[in-house]
Amino acid sequence: MKNTVRIELNPTPDFERKLADAVRGKIIAPLARAVEAEAQRLVSTPGPTPSSPGKMPHSESGELLASIQSTVTIDQQRVLGRVVANVPYAMHLEFGTSRMAARPFLRPALAHALAEFKRNGQ
């Protein structure tokens, strides 16, 4: 299973300009890369296994870290930035299970990247 963070542009008064910028990679691609980098940073801390509930997952094998990747696709209707953690247990860490509390890393990475993006006036 894959965790996906989906970033889409919604119509605004300057939608056409923003869409043109996004198509040229000025918005979506840098934002997707920033989410990828932050997610990788968040899961790169070695520590005792397992991490505490609600805390970032600790790196034991590096498999989760290595699986985090971003892509940007452009079609006629939209520009889609996607960040995935492509290991079977990523979804369990992000959202928890009935037997384990969540240890989110993608949602905090998105929140951090969006805050930085806004802070830098982009």
PDB file of N, CA and C in Angstrom:
ATOM      1  N   MET A   1       0.833  -1.181   0.000  1.00  0.00           N
ATOM      2  CA  MET A   1       0.000   0.000   0.000  1.00  0.00           C
ATOM      3  C   MET A   1       0.874   1.239   0.000  1.00  0.00           C
ATOM      4  N   LYS A   2       0.373   2.270  -0.619  1.00  0.00           N
ATOM      5  CA  LYS A   2       1.116   3.509  -0.691  1.00  0.00           C
ATOM      6  C   LYS A   2       0.368   4.596   0.056  1.00  0.00           C
ATOM      7  N   ASN A   3       1.115   5.475   0.715  1.00  0.00           N
ATOM      8  CA  ASN A   3       0.542   6.695   1.263  1.00  0.00           C
ATOM      9  C   ASN A   3       0.726   7.758   0.209  1.00  0.00           C
ATOM     10  N   THR A   4      -0.284   8.531  -0.003  1.00  0.00           N
ATOM     11  CA  THR A   4      -0.214   9.558  -1.023  1.00  0.00           C
ATOM     12  C   THR A   4      -0.611  10.896  -0.435  1.00  0.00           C
ATOM     13  N   VAL A   5       0.200  11.881  -0.653  1.00  0.00           N
ATOM     14  CA  VAL A   5      -0.155  13.252  -0.340  1.00  0.00           C
ATOM     15  C   VAL A   5      -0.454  13.898  -1.676  1.00  0.00           C
ATOM     16  N   ARG A   6      -1.653  14.362  -1.832  1.00  0.00           N
ATOM     17  CA  ARG A   6      -2.097  14.897  -3.117  1.00  0.00           C
ATOM     18  C   ARG A   6      -2.222  16.401  -3.005  1.00  0.00           C
ATOM     19  N   ILE A   7      -1.575  17.107  -3.912  1.00  0.00           N
ATOM     20  CA  ILE A   7      -1.601  18.561  -3.923  1.00  0.00           C
ATOM     21  C   ILE A   7      -2.231  18.995  -5.239  1.00  0.00           C
ATOM     22  N   GLU A   8      -3.333  19.704  -5.159  1.00  0.00           N
ATOM     23  CA  GLU A   8      -3.999  20.184  -6.359  1.00  0.00           C
ATOM     24  C   GLU A   8      -4.251  21.677  -6.234  1.00  0.00           C
ATOM     25  N   LEU A   9      -4.262  22.374  -7.360  1.00  0.00           N
ATOM     26  CA  LEU A   9      -4.626  23.779  -7.370  1.00  0.00           C
ATOM     27  C   LEU A   9      -6.133  23.893  -7.473  1.00  0.00           C
ATOM     28  N   ASN A  10      -6.721  24.762  -6.670  1.00  0.00           N
ATOM     29  CA  ASN A  10      -8.149  25.039  -6.754  1.00  0.00           C
ATOM     30  C   ASN A  10      -8.345  26.395  -7.427  1.00  0.00           C
ATOM     31  N   PRO A  11      -9.448  26.583  -8.138  1.00  0.00           N
ATOM     32  CA  PRO A  11      -9.663  27.862  -8.833  1.00  0.00           C
ATOM     33  C   PRO A  11      -9.601  29.059  -7.892  1.00  0.00           C
ATOM     34  N   THR A  12      -8.872  30.058  -8.308  1.00  0.00           N
ATOM     35  CA  THR A  12      -8.774  31.339  -7.615  1.00  0.00           C
ATOM     36  C   THR A  12      -8.799  32.412  -8.693  1.00  0.00           C
ATOM     37  N   PRO A  13      -8.882  33.682  -8.297  1.00  0.00           N
ATOM     38  CA  PRO A  13      -8.892  34.739  -9.322  1.00  0.00           C
ATOM     39  C   PRO A  13      -7.673  34.707 -10.253  1.00  0.00           C
ATOM     40  N   ASP A  14      -6.545  34.312  -9.735  1.00  0.00           N
ATOM     41  CA  ASP A  14      -5.354  34.255 -10.591  1.00  0.00           C
ATOM     42  C   ASP A  14      -5.006  32.813 -10.965  1.00  0.00           C
ATOM     43  N   PHE A  15      -6.037  31.987 -11.102  1.00  0.00           N
ATOM     44  CA  PHE A  15      -5.869  30.561 -11.383  1.00  0.00           C
ATOM     45  C   PHE A  15      -5.034  30.304 -12.634  1.00  0.00           C
ATOM     46  N   GLU A  16      -5.317  31.013 -13.708  1.00  0.00           N
ATOM     47  CA  GLU A  16      -4.596  30.739 -14.961  1.00  0.00           C
ATOM     48  C   GLU A  16      -3.099  30.986 -14.814  1.00  0.00           C
ATOM     49  N   ARG A  17      -2.729  32.057 -14.131  1.00  0.00           N
ATOM     50  CA  ARG A  17      -1.301  32.333 -13.927  1.00  0.00           C
ATOM     51  C   ARG A  17      -0.670  31.256 -13.054  1.00  0.00           C
ATOM     52  N   LYS A  18      -1.350  30.879 -11.975  1.00  0.00           N
ATOM     53  CA  LYS A  18      -0.819  29.847 -11.095  1.00  0.00           C
ATOM     54  C   LYS A  18      -0.720  28.501 -11.810  1.00  0.00           C
ATOM     55  N   LEU A  19      -1.697  28.201 -12.629  1.00  0.00           N
ATOM     56  CA  LEU A  19      -1.650  26.946 -13.373  1.00  0.00           C
ATOM     57  C   LEU A  19      -0.475  26.961 -14.354  1.00  0.00           C
ATOM     58  N   ALA A  20      -0.292  28.082 -15.035  1.00  0.00           N
ATOM     59  CA  ALA A  20       0.840  28.180 -15.962  1.00  0.00           C
ATOM     60  C   ALA A  20       2.163  28.019 -15.220  1.00  0.00           C
ATOM     61  N   ASP A  21       2.282  28.649 -14.041  1.00  0.00           N
ATOM     62  CA  ASP A  21       3.492  28.494 -13.224  1.00  0.00           C
ATOM     63  C   ASP A  21       3.670  27.047 -12.797  1.00  0.00           C
ATOM     64  N   ALA A  22       2.572  26.413 -12.403  1.00  0.00           N
ATOM     65  CA  ALA A  22       2.649  25.020 -11.958  1.00  0.00           C
ATOM     66  C   ALA A  22       3.095  24.115 -13.084  1.00  0.00           C
ATOM     67  N   VAL A  23       2.555  24.340 -14.264  1.00  0.00           N
ATOM     68  CA  VAL A  23       2.932  23.526 -15.408  1.00  0.00           C
ATOM     69  C   VAL A  23       4.423  23.677 -15.682  1.00  0.00           C
ATOM     70  N   ARG A  24       4.942  24.843 -15.484  1.00  0.00           N
ATOM     71  CA  ARG A  24       6.373  25.068 -15.683  1.00  0.00           C
ATOM     72  C   ARG A  24       7.189  24.595 -14.480  1.00  0.00           C
ATOM     73  N   GLY A  25       6.539  24.043 -13.488  1.00  0.00           N
ATOM     74  CA  GLY A  25       7.262  23.482 -12.350  1.00  0.00           C
ATOM     75  C   GLY A  25       7.671  24.481 -11.299  1.00  0.00           C
ATOM     76  N   LYS A  26       7.036  25.645 -11.283  1.00  0.00           N
ATOM     77  CA  LYS A  26       7.432  26.667 -10.316  1.00  0.00           C
ATOM     78  C   LYS A  26       6.716  26.544  -8.977  1.00  0.00           C
ATOM     79  N   ILE A  27       5.646  25.764  -8.934  1.00  0.00           N
ATOM     80  CA  ILE A  27       4.905  25.630  -7.682  1.00  0.00           C
ATOM     81  C   ILE A  27       4.853  24.178  -7.235  1.00  0.00           C
ATOM     82  N   ILE A  28       4.232  23.342  -8.009  1.00  0.00           N
ATOM     83  CA  ILE A  28       3.948  21.975  -7.574  1.00  0.00           C
ATOM     84  C   ILE A  28       5.232  21.152  -7.414  1.00  0.00           C
ATOM     85  N   ALA A  29       6.118  21.192  -8.396  1.00  0.00           N
ATOM     86  CA  ALA A  29       7.337  20.382  -8.310  1.00  0.00           C
ATOM     87  C   ALA A  29       8.189  20.758  -7.096  1.00  0.00           C
ATOM     88  N   PRO A  30       8.467  22.051  -6.858  1.00  0.00           N
ATOM     89  CA  PRO A  30       9.249  22.383  -5.667  1.00  0.00           C
ATOM     90  C   PRO A  30       8.538  22.010  -4.371  1.00  0.00           C
ATOM     91  N   LEU A  31       7.220  22.154  -4.342  1.00  0.00           N
ATOM     92  CA  LEU A  31       6.482  21.796  -3.138  1.00  0.00           C
ATOM     93  C   LEU A  31       6.530  20.287  -2.905  1.00  0.00           C
ATOM     94  N   ALA A  32       6.354  19.500  -3.950  1.00  0.00           N
ATOM     95  CA  ALA A  32       6.431  18.038  -3.809  1.00  0.00           C
ATOM     96  C   ALA A  32       7.826  17.621  -3.348  1.00  0.00           C
ATOM     97  N   ARG A  33       8.869  18.241  -3.910  1.00  0.00           N
ATOM     98  CA  ARG A  33      10.235  17.923  -3.485  1.00  0.00           C
ATOM     99  C   ARG A  33      10.466  18.316  -2.027  1.00  0.00           C
ATOM    100  N   ALA A  34       9.871  19.435  -1.611  1.00  0.00           N
ATOM    101  CA  ALA A  34      10.025  19.877  -0.215  1.00  0.00           C
ATOM    102  C   ALA A  34       9.334  18.903   0.741  1.00  0.00           C
ATOM    103  N   VAL A  35       8.164  18.407   0.361  1.00  0.00           N
ATOM    104  CA  VAL A  35       7.470  17.420   1.197  1.00  0.00           C
ATOM    105  C   VAL A  35       8.299  16.142   1.266  1.00  0.00           C
ATOM    106  N   GLU A  36       8.833  15.716   0.120  1.00  0.00           N
ATOM    107  CA  GLU A  36       9.679  14.520   0.093  1.00  0.00           C
ATOM    108  C   GLU A  36      10.883  14.683   1.025  1.00  0.00           C
ATOM    109  N   ALA A  37      11.579  15.796   0.912  1.00  0.00           N
ATOM    110  CA  ALA A  37      12.781  16.038   1.720  1.00  0.00           C
ATOM    111  C   ALA A  37      12.444  16.088   3.208  1.00  0.00           C
ATOM    112  N   GLU A  38      11.346  16.741   3.560  1.00  0.00           N
ATOM    113  CA  GLU A  38      10.968  16.841   4.963  1.00  0.00           C
ATOM    114  C   GLU A  38      10.546  15.480   5.508  1.00  0.00           C
ATOM    115  N   ALA A  39       9.801  14.702   4.739  1.00  0.00           N
ATOM    116  CA  ALA A  39       9.408  13.360   5.180  1.00  0.00           C
ATOM    117  C   ALA A  39      10.647  12.496   5.390  1.00  0.00           C
ATOM    118  N   GLN A  40      11.612  12.597   4.486  1.00  0.00           N
ATOM    119  CA  GLN A  40      12.843  11.831   4.641  1.00  0.00           C
ATOM    120  C   GLN A  40      13.602  12.267   5.890  1.00  0.00           C
ATOM    121  N   ARG A  41      13.626  13.562   6.142  1.00  0.00           N
ATOM    122  CA  ARG A  41      14.301  14.066   7.344  1.00  0.00           C
ATOM    123  C   ARG A  41      13.617  13.530   8.605  1.00  0.00           C
ATOM    124  N   LEU A  42      12.283  13.538   8.579  1.00  0.00           N
ATOM    125  CA  LEU A  42      11.525  13.117   9.759  1.00  0.00           C
ATOM    126  C   LEU A  42      11.728  11.645  10.107  1.00  0.00           C
ATOM    127  N   VAL A  43      11.960  10.809   9.110  1.00  0.00           N
ATOM    128  CA  VAL A  43      12.117   9.373   9.386  1.00  0.00           C
ATOM    129  C   VAL A  43      13.575   8.930   9.432  1.00  0.00           C
ATOM    130  N   SER A  44      14.500   9.863   9.382  1.00  0.00           N
ATOM    131  CA  SER A  44      15.912   9.490   9.324  1.00  0.00           C
ATOM    132  C   SER A  44      16.573   9.408  10.705  1.00  0.00           C
ATOM    133  N   THR A  45      15.840   9.723  11.756  1.00  0.00           N
ATOM    134  CA  THR A  45      16.411   9.699  13.091  1.00  0.00           C
ATOM    135  C   THR A  45      16.506   8.274  13.621  1.00  0.00           C
ATOM    136  N   PRO A  46      17.721   7.809  13.899  1.00  0.00           N
ATOM    137  CA  PRO A  46      17.831   6.481  14.501  1.00  0.00           C
ATOM    138  C   PRO A  46      17.338   6.542  15.945  1.00  0.00           C
ATOM    139  N   GLY A  47      16.826   5.467  16.410  1.00  0.00           N
ATOM    140  CA  GLY A  47      16.367   5.457  17.792  1.00  0.00           C
ATOM    141  C   GLY A  47      15.855   4.096  18.175  1.00  0.00           C
ATOM    142  N   PRO A  48      15.425   4.002  19.416  1.00  0.00           N
ATOM    143  CA  PRO A  48      14.900   2.717  19.866  1.00  0.00           C
ATOM    144  C   PRO A  48      13.642   2.362  19.089  1.00  0.00           C
ATOM    145  N   THR A  49      13.470   1.098  18.878  1.00  0.00           N
ATOM    146  CA  THR A  49      12.302   0.634  18.146  1.00  0.00           C
ATOM    147  C   THR A  49      11.345   0.017  19.139  1.00  0.00           C
ATOM    148  N   PRO A  50      10.093   0.284  19.124  1.00  0.00           N
ATOM    149  CA  PRO A  50       9.416   1.240  18.258  1.00  0.00           C
ATOM    150  C   PRO A  50       9.478   2.648  18.843  1.00  0.00           C
ATOM    151  N   SER A  51       9.144   3.622  18.007  1.00  0.00           N
ATOM    152  CA  SER A  51       9.070   4.995  18.494  1.00  0.00           C
ATOM    153  C   SER A  51       7.819   5.147  19.356  1.00  0.00           C
ATOM    154  N   SER A  52       7.759   6.220  20.104  1.00  0.00           N
ATOM    155  CA  SER A  52       6.604   6.477  20.960  1.00  0.00           C
ATOM    156  C   SER A  52       5.390   6.822  20.116  1.00  0.00           C
ATOM    157  N   PRO A  53       4.186   6.453  20.573  1.00  0.00           N
ATOM    158  CA  PRO A  53       2.975   6.807  19.838  1.00  0.00           C
ATOM    159  C   PRO A  53       2.893   8.314  19.587  1.00  0.00           C
ATOM    160  N   GLY A  54       2.530   8.666  18.369  1.00  0.00           N
ATOM    161  CA  GLY A  54       2.415  10.070  17.990  1.00  0.00           C
ATOM    162  C   GLY A  54       3.714  10.715  17.567  1.00  0.00           C
ATOM    163  N   LYS A  55       4.831  10.050  17.790  1.00  0.00           N
ATOM    164  CA  LYS A  55       6.143  10.572  17.399  1.00  0.00           C
ATOM    165  C   LYS A  55       6.522  10.026  16.035  1.00  0.00           C
ATOM    166  N   MET A  56       7.503  10.649  15.413  1.00  0.00           N
ATOM    167  CA  MET A  56       7.958  10.189  14.109  1.00  0.00           C
ATOM    168  C   MET A  56       8.532   8.787  14.223  1.00  0.00           C
ATOM    169  N   PRO A  57       8.345   7.971  13.187  1.00  0.00           N
ATOM    170  CA  PRO A  57       8.943   6.638  13.231  1.00  0.00           C
ATOM    171  C   PRO A  57      10.460   6.727  13.227  1.00  0.00           C
ATOM    172  N   HIS A  58      11.085   5.877  14.012  1.00  0.00           N
ATOM    173  CA  HIS A  58      12.544   5.821  14.029  1.00  0.00           C
ATOM    174  C   HIS A  58      13.041   4.994  12.857  1.00  0.00           C
ATOM    175  N   SER A  59      14.248   5.296  12.439  1.00  0.00           N
ATOM    176  CA  SER A  59      14.860   4.547  11.338  1.00  0.00           C
ATOM    177  C   SER A  59      15.595   3.340  11.904  1.00  0.00           C
ATOM    178  N   GLU A  60      15.184   2.185  11.457  1.00  0.00           N
ATOM    179  CA  GLU A  60      15.871   0.964  11.875  1.00  0.00           C
ATOM    180  C   GLU A  60      16.666   0.399  10.709  1.00  0.00           C
ATOM    181  N   SER A  61      16.016   0.184   9.580  1.00  0.00           N
ATOM    182  CA  SER A  61      16.688  -0.413   8.416  1.00  0.00           C
ATOM    183  C   SER A  61      16.971   0.600   7.308  1.00  0.00           C
ATOM    184  N   GLY A  62      16.289   1.748   7.343  1.00  0.00           N
ATOM    185  CA  GLY A  62      16.424   2.727   6.261  1.00  0.00           C
ATOM    186  C   GLY A  62      15.488   2.455   5.098  1.00  0.00           C
ATOM    187  N   GLU A  63      14.710   1.380   5.192  1.00  0.00           N
ATOM    188  CA  GLU A  63      13.809   1.001   4.096  1.00  0.00           C
ATOM    189  C   GLU A  63      12.718   2.054   3.871  1.00  0.00           C
ATOM    190  N   LEU A  64      12.112   2.543   4.947  1.00  0.00           N
ATOM    191  CA  LEU A  64      11.082   3.577   4.823  1.00  0.00           C
ATOM    192  C   LEU A  64      11.667   4.836   4.209  1.00  0.00           C
ATOM    193  N   LEU A  65      12.789   5.273   4.727  1.00  0.00           N
ATOM    194  CA  LEU A  65      13.468   6.462   4.207  1.00  0.00           C
ATOM    195  C   LEU A  65      13.731   6.328   2.714  1.00  0.00           C
ATOM    196  N   ALA A  66      14.262   5.208   2.295  1.00  0.00           N
ATOM    197  CA  ALA A  66      14.600   5.002   0.882  1.00  0.00           C
ATOM    198  C   ALA A  66      13.368   4.932  -0.010  1.00  0.00           C
ATOM    199  N   SER A  67      12.213   4.607   0.566  1.00  0.00           N
ATOM    200  CA  SER A  67      11.009   4.443  -0.245  1.00  0.00           C
ATOM    201  C   SER A  67      10.273   5.746  -0.508  1.00  0.00           C
ATOM    202  N   ILE A  68      10.618   6.813   0.187  1.00  0.00           N
ATOM    203  CA  ILE A  68       9.896   8.080   0.043  1.00  0.00           C
ATOM    204  C   ILE A  68      10.360   8.781  -1.223  1.00  0.00           C
ATOM    205  N   GLN A  69       9.419   9.024  -2.123  1.00  0.00           N
ATOM    206  CA  GLN A  69       9.727   9.646  -3.412  1.00  0.00           C
ATOM    207  C   GLN A  69       8.602  10.577  -3.837  1.00  0.00           C
ATOM    208  N   SER A  70       8.947  11.600  -4.593  1.00  0.00           N
ATOM    209  CA  SER A  70       7.934  12.514  -5.134  1.00  0.00           C
ATOM    210  C   SER A  70       7.934  12.438  -6.649  1.00  0.00           C
ATOM    211  N   THR A  71       6.757  12.675  -7.212  1.00  0.00           N
ATOM    212  CA  THR A  71       6.596  12.765  -8.660  1.00  0.00           C
ATOM    213  C   THR A  71       5.622  13.894  -8.959  1.00  0.00           C
ATOM    214  N   VAL A  72       5.720  14.426 -10.151  1.00  0.00           N
ATOM    215  CA  VAL A  72       4.767  15.428 -10.625  1.00  0.00           C
ATOM    216  C   VAL A  72       4.297  14.979 -11.998  1.00  0.00           C
ATOM    217  N   THR A  73       2.976  14.932 -12.171  1.00  0.00           N
ATOM    218  CA  THR A  73       2.405  14.586 -13.468  1.00  0.00           C
ATOM    219  C   THR A  73       1.532  15.745 -13.935  1.00  0.00           C
ATOM    220  N   ILE A  74       1.539  15.940 -15.218  1.00  0.00           N
ATOM    221  CA  ILE A  74       0.760  17.019 -15.821  1.00  0.00           C
ATOM    222  C   ILE A  74      -0.103  16.416 -16.914  1.00  0.00           C
ATOM    223  N   ASP A  75      -1.398  16.664 -16.843  1.00  0.00           N
ATOM    224  CA  ASP A  75      -2.269  16.271 -17.948  1.00  0.00           C
ATOM    225  C   ASP A  75      -3.085  17.494 -18.356  1.00  0.00           C
ATOM    226  N   GLN A  76      -4.067  17.303 -19.190  1.00  0.00           N
ATOM    227  CA  GLN A  76      -4.839  18.444 -19.710  1.00  0.00           C
ATOM    228  C   GLN A  76      -5.689  19.114 -18.642  1.00  0.00           C
ATOM    229  N   GLN A  77      -6.011  18.407 -17.580  1.00  0.00           N
ATOM    230  CA  GLN A  77      -6.922  18.925 -16.573  1.00  0.00           C
ATOM    231  C   GLN A  77      -6.230  19.457 -15.317  1.00  0.00           C
ATOM    232  N   ARG A  78      -5.060  18.907 -14.974  1.00  0.00           N
ATOM    233  CA  ARG A  78      -4.479  19.257 -13.686  1.00  0.00           C
ATOM    234  C   ARG A  78      -2.985  18.967 -13.629  1.00  0.00           C
ATOM    235  N   VAL A  79      -2.382  19.524 -12.602  1.00  0.00           N
ATOM    236  CA  VAL A  79      -1.000  19.244 -12.246  1.00  0.00           C
ATOM    237  C   VAL A  79      -1.063  18.561 -10.887  1.00  0.00           C
ATOM    238  N   LEU A  80      -0.463  17.388 -10.784  1.00  0.00           N
ATOM    239  CA  LEU A  80      -0.567  16.603  -9.554  1.00  0.00           C
ATOM    240  C   LEU A  80       0.817  16.309  -9.002  1.00  0.00           C
ATOM    241  N   GLY A  81       1.060  16.769  -7.778  1.00  0.00           N
ATOM    242  CA  GLY A  81       2.279  16.422  -7.066  1.00  0.00           C
ATOM    243  C   GLY A  81       1.954  15.284  -6.116  1.00  0.00           C
ATOM    244  N   ARG A  82       2.758  14.260  -6.134  1.00  0.00           N
ATOM    245  CA  ARG A  82       2.495  13.086  -5.303  1.00  0.00           C
ATOM    246  C   ARG A  82       3.773  12.722  -4.559  1.00  0.00           C
ATOM    247  N   VAL A  83       3.613  12.455  -3.270  1.00  0.00           N
ATOM    248  CA  VAL A  83       4.723  11.960  -2.451  1.00  0.00           C
ATOM    249  C   VAL A  83       4.263  10.631  -1.874  1.00  0.00           C
ATOM    250  N   VAL A  84       5.040   9.599  -2.107  1.00  0.00           N
ATOM    251  CA  VAL A  84       4.658   8.261  -1.640  1.00  0.00           C
ATOM    252  C   VAL A  84       5.764   7.670  -0.785  1.00  0.00           C
ATOM    253  N   ALA A  85       5.325   6.836   0.143  1.00  0.00           N
ATOM    254  CA  ALA A  85       6.226   5.991   0.919  1.00  0.00           C
ATOM    255  C   ALA A  85       5.830   4.574   0.532  1.00  0.00           C
ATOM    256  N   ASN A  86       6.642   3.962  -0.274  1.00  0.00           N
ATOM    257  CA  ASN A  86       6.266   2.711  -0.925  1.00  0.00           C
ATOM    258  C   ASN A  86       6.810   1.487  -0.193  1.00  0.00           C
ATOM    259  N   VAL A  87       6.420   1.348   1.050  1.00  0.00           N
ATOM    260  CA  VAL A  87       6.691   0.120   1.812  1.00  0.00           C
ATOM    261  C   VAL A  87       5.361  -0.315   2.425  1.00  0.00           C
ATOM    262  N   PRO A  88       5.171  -1.608   2.614  1.00  0.00           N
ATOM    263  CA  PRO A  88       3.868  -2.104   3.086  1.00  0.00           C
ATOM    264  C   PRO A  88       3.407  -1.514   4.416  1.00  0.00           C
ATOM    265  N   TYR A  89       4.322  -1.142   5.285  1.00  0.00           N
ATOM    266  CA  TYR A  89       3.943  -0.683   6.619  1.00  0.00           C
ATOM    267  C   TYR A  89       3.796   0.834   6.732  1.00  0.00           C
ATOM    268  N   ALA A  90       4.032   1.580   5.658  1.00  0.00           N
ATOM    269  CA  ALA A  90       3.960   3.042   5.714  1.00  0.00           C
ATOM    270  C   ALA A  90       2.576   3.535   6.142  1.00  0.00           C
ATOM    271  N   MET A  91       1.534   2.938   5.599  1.00  0.00           N
ATOM    272  CA  MET A  91       0.180   3.362   5.945  1.00  0.00           C
ATOM    273  C   MET A  91      -0.114   3.102   7.422  1.00  0.00           C
ATOM    274  N   HIS A  92       0.389   1.987   7.944  1.00  0.00           N
ATOM    275  CA  HIS A  92       0.183   1.671   9.362  1.00  0.00           C
ATOM    276  C   HIS A  92       0.871   2.715  10.245  1.00  0.00           C
ATOM    277  N   LEU A  93       2.060   3.130   9.855  1.00  0.00           N
ATOM    278  CA  LEU A  93       2.763   4.157  10.616  1.00  0.00           C
ATOM    279  C   LEU A  93       2.021   5.489  10.533  1.00  0.00           C
ATOM    280  N   GLU A  94       1.615   5.874   9.346  1.00  0.00           N
ATOM    281  CA  GLU A  94       0.975   7.178   9.139  1.00  0.00           C
ATOM    282  C   GLU A  94      -0.359   7.297   9.872  1.00  0.00           C
ATOM    283  N   PHE A  95      -1.170   6.262   9.804  1.00  0.00           N
ATOM    284  CA  PHE A  95      -2.528   6.348  10.338  1.00  0.00           C
ATOM    285  C   PHE A  95      -2.791   5.464  11.558  1.00  0.00           C
ATOM    286  N   GLY A  96      -1.873   4.589  11.895  1.00  0.00           N
ATOM    287  CA  GLY A  96      -2.072   3.688  13.008  1.00  0.00           C
ATOM    288  C   GLY A  96      -2.959   2.511  12.616  1.00  0.00           C
ATOM    289  N   THR A  97      -3.134   1.604  13.542  1.00  0.00           N
ATOM    290  CA  THR A  97      -3.996   0.444  13.349  1.00  0.00           C
ATOM    291  C   THR A  97      -4.828   0.283  14.623  1.00  0.00           C
ATOM    292  N   SER A  98      -5.637  -0.743  14.662  1.00  0.00           N
ATOM    293  CA  SER A  98      -6.416  -0.988  15.875  1.00  0.00           C
ATOM    294  C   SER A  98      -5.514  -1.388  17.040  1.00  0.00           C
ATOM    295  N   ARG A  99      -4.277  -1.788  16.737  1.00  0.00           N
ATOM    296  CA  ARG A  99      -3.355  -2.243  17.783  1.00  0.00           C
ATOM    297  C   ARG A  99      -2.127  -1.340  17.964  1.00  0.00           C
ATOM    298  N   MET A 100      -2.042  -0.284  17.147  1.00  0.00           N
ATOM    299  CA  MET A 100      -0.864   0.578  17.209  1.00  0.00           C
ATOM    300  C   MET A 100      -1.268   2.022  16.938  1.00  0.00           C
ATOM    301  N   ALA A 101      -0.797   2.940  17.766  1.00  0.00           N
ATOM    302  CA  ALA A 101      -1.055   4.361  17.542  1.00  0.00           C
ATOM    303  C   ALA A 101      -0.268   4.851  16.335  1.00  0.00           C
ATOM    304  N   ALA A 102      -0.798   5.859  15.681  1.00  0.00           N
ATOM    305  CA  ALA A 102      -0.146   6.439  14.502  1.00  0.00           C
ATOM    306  C   ALA A 102       1.196   7.059  14.866  1.00  0.00           C
ATOM    307  N   ARG A 103       2.095   7.001  13.916  1.00  0.00           N
ATOM    308  CA  ARG A 103       3.392   7.666  13.995  1.00  0.00           C
ATOM    309  C   ARG A 103       3.565   8.412  12.673  1.00  0.00           C
ATOM    310  N   PRO A 104       2.785   9.492  12.499  1.00  0.00           N
ATOM    311  CA  PRO A 104       2.725  10.152  11.192  1.00  0.00           C
ATOM    312  C   PRO A 104       4.029  10.823  10.797  1.00  0.00           C
ATOM    313  N   PHE A 105       4.283  10.820   9.505  1.00  0.00           N
ATOM    314  CA  PHE A 105       5.459  11.498   8.964  1.00  0.00           C
ATOM    315  C   PHE A 105       5.123  12.233   7.675  1.00  0.00           C
ATOM    316  N   LEU A 106       4.185  11.749   6.866  1.00  0.00           N
ATOM    317  CA  LEU A 106       3.834  12.433   5.615  1.00  0.00           C
ATOM    318  C   LEU A 106       2.987  13.680   5.874  1.00  0.00           C
ATOM    319  N   ARG A 107       1.978  13.567   6.709  1.00  0.00           N
ATOM    320  CA  ARG A 107       1.140  14.736   6.995  1.00  0.00           C
ATOM    321  C   ARG A 107       1.927  15.847   7.679  1.00  0.00           C
ATOM    322  N   PRO A 108       2.775  15.545   8.671  1.00  0.00           N
ATOM    323  CA  PRO A 108       3.605  16.615   9.230  1.00  0.00           C
ATOM    324  C   PRO A 108       4.573  17.202   8.192  1.00  0.00           C
ATOM    325  N   ALA A 109       5.078  16.372   7.294  1.00  0.00           N
ATOM    326  CA  ALA A 109       5.979  16.877   6.249  1.00  0.00           C
ATOM    327  C   ALA A 109       5.244  17.840   5.326  1.00  0.00           C
ATOM    328  N   LEU A 110       4.015  17.506   4.964  1.00  0.00           N
ATOM    329  CA  LEU A 110       3.209  18.399   4.124  1.00  0.00           C
ATOM    330  C   LEU A 110       2.937  19.704   4.845  1.00  0.00           C
ATOM    331  N   ALA A 111       2.540  19.635   6.114  1.00  0.00           N
ATOM    332  CA  ALA A 111       2.254  20.848   6.881  1.00  0.00           C
ATOM    333  C   ALA A 111       3.493  21.740   6.964  1.00  0.00           C
ATOM    334  N   HIS A 112       4.642  21.138   7.214  1.00  0.00           N
ATOM    335  CA  HIS A 112       5.889  21.905   7.293  1.00  0.00           C
ATOM    336  C   HIS A 112       6.226  22.551   5.951  1.00  0.00           C
ATOM    337  N   ALA A 113       6.134  21.778   4.878  1.00  0.00           N
ATOM    338  CA  ALA A 113       6.477  22.304   3.547  1.00  0.00           C
ATOM    339  C   ALA A 113       5.523  23.427   3.138  1.00  0.00           C
ATOM    340  N   LEU A 114       4.234  23.276   3.419  1.00  0.00           N
ATOM    341  CA  LEU A 114       3.275  24.336   3.090  1.00  0.00           C
ATOM    342  C   LEU A 114       3.554  25.599   3.890  1.00  0.00           C
ATOM    343  N   ALA A 115       3.877  25.449   5.178  1.00  0.00           N
ATOM    344  CA  ALA A 115       4.192  26.608   6.002  1.00  0.00           C
ATOM    345  C   ALA A 115       5.439  27.327   5.471  1.00  0.00           C
ATOM    346  N   GLU A 116       6.467  26.586   5.113  1.00  0.00           N
ATOM    347  CA  GLU A 116       7.679  27.179   4.538  1.00  0.00           C
ATOM    348  C   GLU A 116       7.382  27.866   3.202  1.00  0.00           C
ATOM    349  N   PHE A 117       6.587  27.207   2.397  1.00  0.00           N
ATOM    350  CA  PHE A 117       6.209  27.751   1.090  1.00  0.00           C
ATOM    351  C   PHE A 117       5.491  29.095   1.262  1.00  0.00           C
ATOM    352  N   LYS A 118       4.556  29.152   2.192  1.00  0.00           N
ATOM    353  CA  LYS A 118       3.816  30.397   2.453  1.00  0.00           C
ATOM    354  C   LYS A 118       4.718  31.446   3.071  1.00  0.00           C
ATOM    355  N   ARG A 119       5.584  31.040   4.015  1.00  0.00           N
ATOM    356  CA  ARG A 119       6.485  31.963   4.680  1.00  0.00           C
ATOM    357  C   ARG A 119       7.427  32.632   3.675  1.00  0.00           C
ATOM    358  N   ASN A 120       7.818  31.898   2.655  1.00  0.00           N
ATOM    359  CA  ASN A 120       8.719  32.426   1.636  1.00  0.00           C
ATOM    360  C   ASN A 120       7.987  33.163   0.532  1.00  0.00           C
ATOM    361  N   GLY A 121       6.686  33.328   0.684  1.00  0.00           N
ATOM    362  CA  GLY A 121       5.903  34.119  -0.274  1.00  0.00           C
ATOM    363  C   GLY A 121       5.675  33.450  -1.610  1.00  0.00           C
ATOM    364  N   GLN A 122       5.671  32.142  -1.648  1.00  0.00           N
ATOM    365  CA  GLN A 122       5.482  31.449  -2.916  1.00  0.00           C
ATOM    366  C   GLN A 122       4.057  31.010  -3.082  1.00  0.00           C
TER     367      GLN A 122
END
